[in-house]
Amino acid sequence: MNRRLSPMSEVNMMASLADLKEVDYQNTLLLTALIDLLIEKNVLTQRDLVEKIKQLDQFPTSF
């Protein structure tokens, strides 16, 4: 089934995608700032962070 979207639906979808990209950027910025601050304040090390990322990445995800 190959359904074509109306022009307005396409515009709405593109606007939603742009919104998601902006949210993703803001979340990435916040996360980077938090990590940098935690490392600067010696709350964690970059090695700790990398090890935790590797550990979490091994869990299977199913959505």
N, C-alpha and C. Protein backbone atom coordinates (compact mmCIF):
# COMPACT_ATOMS: atom_id res chain seq x y z
N MET A 1 0.85 -1.18 0.00
CA MET A 1 0.00 0.00 0.00
C MET A 1 0.89 1.24 0.00
N ASN A 2 0.80 2.01 -1.02
CA ASN A 2 1.62 3.20 -1.17
C ASN A 2 0.72 4.44 -1.09
N ARG A 3 0.57 4.96 0.12
CA ARG A 3 -0.32 6.10 0.34
C ARG A 3 0.45 7.40 0.30
N ARG A 4 -0.02 8.34 -0.43
CA ARG A 4 0.61 9.65 -0.54
C ARG A 4 0.01 10.59 0.49
N LEU A 5 0.86 11.34 1.18
CA LEU A 5 0.39 12.31 2.16
C LEU A 5 -0.01 13.60 1.48
N SER A 6 -0.94 14.28 2.08
CA SER A 6 -1.32 15.59 1.55
C SER A 6 -0.16 16.56 1.79
N PRO A 7 -0.08 17.63 1.01
CA PRO A 7 0.99 18.61 1.21
C PRO A 7 1.02 19.15 2.65
N MET A 8 -0.14 19.39 3.24
CA MET A 8 -0.18 19.91 4.60
C MET A 8 0.33 18.87 5.60
N SER A 9 0.01 17.60 5.38
CA SER A 9 0.52 16.54 6.24
C SER A 9 2.04 16.45 6.15
N GLU A 10 2.56 16.61 4.94
CA GLU A 10 4.01 16.59 4.76
C GLU A 10 4.66 17.76 5.50
N VAL A 11 4.06 18.94 5.41
CA VAL A 11 4.59 20.12 6.12
C VAL A 11 4.57 19.86 7.62
N ASN A 12 3.47 19.30 8.13
CA ASN A 12 3.37 19.01 9.56
C ASN A 12 4.40 17.99 10.00
N MET A 13 4.63 16.97 9.16
CA MET A 13 5.62 15.95 9.49
C MET A 13 7.02 16.57 9.53
N MET A 14 7.32 17.42 8.57
CA MET A 14 8.64 18.06 8.55
C MET A 14 8.82 18.99 9.74
N ALA A 15 7.76 19.69 10.13
CA ALA A 15 7.83 20.55 11.31
C ALA A 15 8.06 19.73 12.57
N SER A 16 7.40 18.59 12.66
CA SER A 16 7.60 17.70 13.81
C SER A 16 9.03 17.19 13.86
N LEU A 17 9.56 16.84 12.72
CA LEU A 17 10.95 16.39 12.64
C LEU A 17 11.91 17.49 13.08
N ALA A 18 11.67 18.71 12.65
CA ALA A 18 12.51 19.83 13.07
C ALA A 18 12.43 20.04 14.58
N ASP A 19 11.23 19.90 15.14
CA ASP A 19 11.07 20.03 16.59
C ASP A 19 11.86 18.94 17.32
N LEU A 20 11.79 17.71 16.81
CA LEU A 20 12.53 16.62 17.43
C LEU A 20 14.03 16.84 17.36
N LYS A 21 14.49 17.37 16.25
CA LYS A 21 15.92 17.66 16.11
C LYS A 21 16.35 18.73 17.12
N GLU A 22 15.52 19.72 17.34
CA GLU A 22 15.84 20.78 18.31
C GLU A 22 15.88 20.20 19.73
N VAL A 23 14.91 19.37 20.07
CA VAL A 23 14.89 18.74 21.39
C VAL A 23 16.13 17.86 21.57
N ASP A 24 16.48 17.10 20.54
CA ASP A 24 17.67 16.25 20.60
C ASP A 24 18.92 17.09 20.82
N TYR A 25 19.03 18.21 20.12
CA TYR A 25 20.18 19.10 20.29
C TYR A 25 20.25 19.64 21.72
N GLN A 26 19.11 20.09 22.24
CA GLN A 26 19.09 20.65 23.60
C GLN A 26 19.45 19.57 24.63
N ASN A 27 18.94 18.36 24.46
CA ASN A 27 19.26 17.28 25.38
C ASN A 27 20.75 16.92 25.31
N THR A 28 21.30 16.90 24.12
CA THR A 28 22.72 16.61 23.95
C THR A 28 23.58 17.68 24.60
N LEU A 29 23.19 18.93 24.43
CA LEU A 29 23.91 20.04 25.04
C LEU A 29 23.90 19.94 26.56
N LEU A 30 22.73 19.67 27.12
CA LEU A 30 22.59 19.53 28.57
C LEU A 30 23.42 18.36 29.09
N LEU A 31 23.32 17.22 28.42
CA LEU A 31 24.07 16.05 28.85
C LEU A 31 25.58 16.29 28.80
N THR A 32 26.04 16.93 27.75
CA THR A 32 27.47 17.24 27.62
C THR A 32 27.93 18.17 28.74
N ALA A 33 27.13 19.19 29.03
CA ALA A 33 27.48 20.12 30.11
C ALA A 33 27.54 19.41 31.45
N LEU A 34 26.57 18.54 31.73
CA LEU A 34 26.55 17.80 33.00
C LEU A 34 27.77 16.89 33.13
N ILE A 35 28.09 16.18 32.07
CA ILE A 35 29.25 15.28 32.10
C ILE A 35 30.52 16.08 32.31
N ASP A 36 30.68 17.18 31.58
CA ASP A 36 31.88 18.00 31.74
C ASP A 36 32.02 18.52 33.17
N LEU A 37 30.91 18.97 33.75
CA LEU A 37 30.96 19.47 35.13
C LEU A 37 31.30 18.36 36.12
N LEU A 38 30.72 17.19 35.95
CA LEU A 38 31.02 16.08 36.85
C LEU A 38 32.49 15.67 36.77
N ILE A 39 33.06 15.70 35.58
CA ILE A 39 34.48 15.37 35.41
C ILE A 39 35.34 16.48 36.00
N GLU A 40 35.01 17.75 35.74
CA GLU A 40 35.77 18.87 36.28
C GLU A 40 35.79 18.87 37.81
N LYS A 41 34.68 18.46 38.42
CA LYS A 41 34.57 18.46 39.88
C LYS A 41 35.03 17.14 40.49
N ASN A 42 35.64 16.31 39.67
CA ASN A 42 36.17 15.01 40.11
C ASN A 42 35.12 14.12 40.76
N VAL A 43 33.88 14.22 40.28
CA VAL A 43 32.83 13.33 40.74
C VAL A 43 32.94 12.00 40.02
N LEU A 44 33.36 12.05 38.77
CA LEU A 44 33.62 10.84 38.00
C LEU A 44 34.74 11.12 37.01
N THR A 45 35.30 10.03 36.49
CA THR A 45 36.36 10.18 35.50
C THR A 45 35.82 9.78 34.13
N GLN A 46 36.55 10.15 33.12
CA GLN A 46 36.14 9.78 31.77
C GLN A 46 36.18 8.26 31.63
N ARG A 47 37.13 7.63 32.29
CA ARG A 47 37.22 6.16 32.25
C ARG A 47 35.97 5.53 32.86
N ASP A 48 35.52 6.07 34.02
CA ASP A 48 34.28 5.58 34.64
C ASP A 48 33.11 5.69 33.67
N LEU A 49 33.04 6.81 33.00
CA LEU A 49 31.95 7.06 32.07
C LEU A 49 31.97 6.07 30.90
N VAL A 50 33.15 5.87 30.33
CA VAL A 50 33.28 4.94 29.20
C VAL A 50 32.93 3.53 29.63
N GLU A 51 33.38 3.12 30.82
CA GLU A 51 33.06 1.78 31.31
C GLU A 51 31.55 1.61 31.50
N LYS A 52 30.89 2.62 32.05
CA LYS A 52 29.45 2.55 32.26
C LYS A 52 28.70 2.50 30.93
N ILE A 53 29.15 3.27 29.97
CA ILE A 53 28.53 3.26 28.64
C ILE A 53 28.63 1.87 28.02
N LYS A 54 29.81 1.27 28.11
CA LYS A 54 30.00 -0.08 27.57
C LYS A 54 29.09 -1.08 28.28
N GLN A 55 28.99 -0.94 29.60
CA GLN A 55 28.14 -1.84 30.38
C GLN A 55 26.68 -1.70 29.97
N LEU A 56 26.20 -0.48 29.86
CA LEU A 56 24.81 -0.26 29.50
C LEU A 56 24.50 -0.65 28.06
N ASP A 57 25.50 -0.52 27.19
CA ASP A 57 25.30 -0.82 25.78
C ASP A 57 25.12 -2.32 25.53
N GLN A 58 25.49 -3.14 26.50
CA GLN A 58 25.36 -4.59 26.33
C GLN A 58 23.93 -5.07 26.60
N PHE A 59 23.12 -4.25 27.24
CA PHE A 59 21.73 -4.65 27.51
C PHE A 59 20.94 -4.58 26.23
N PRO A 60 20.20 -5.65 25.92
CA PRO A 60 19.36 -5.61 24.71
C PRO A 60 18.21 -4.62 24.89
N THR A 61 17.91 -3.93 23.83
CA THR A 61 16.79 -2.99 23.88
C THR A 61 15.69 -3.49 22.95
N SER A 62 14.49 -3.42 23.45
CA SER A 62 13.35 -3.80 22.60
C SER A 62 12.25 -2.79 22.81
N PHE A 63 11.95 -2.09 21.78
CA PHE A 63 10.90 -1.07 21.84
C PHE A 63 9.75 -1.47 20.97
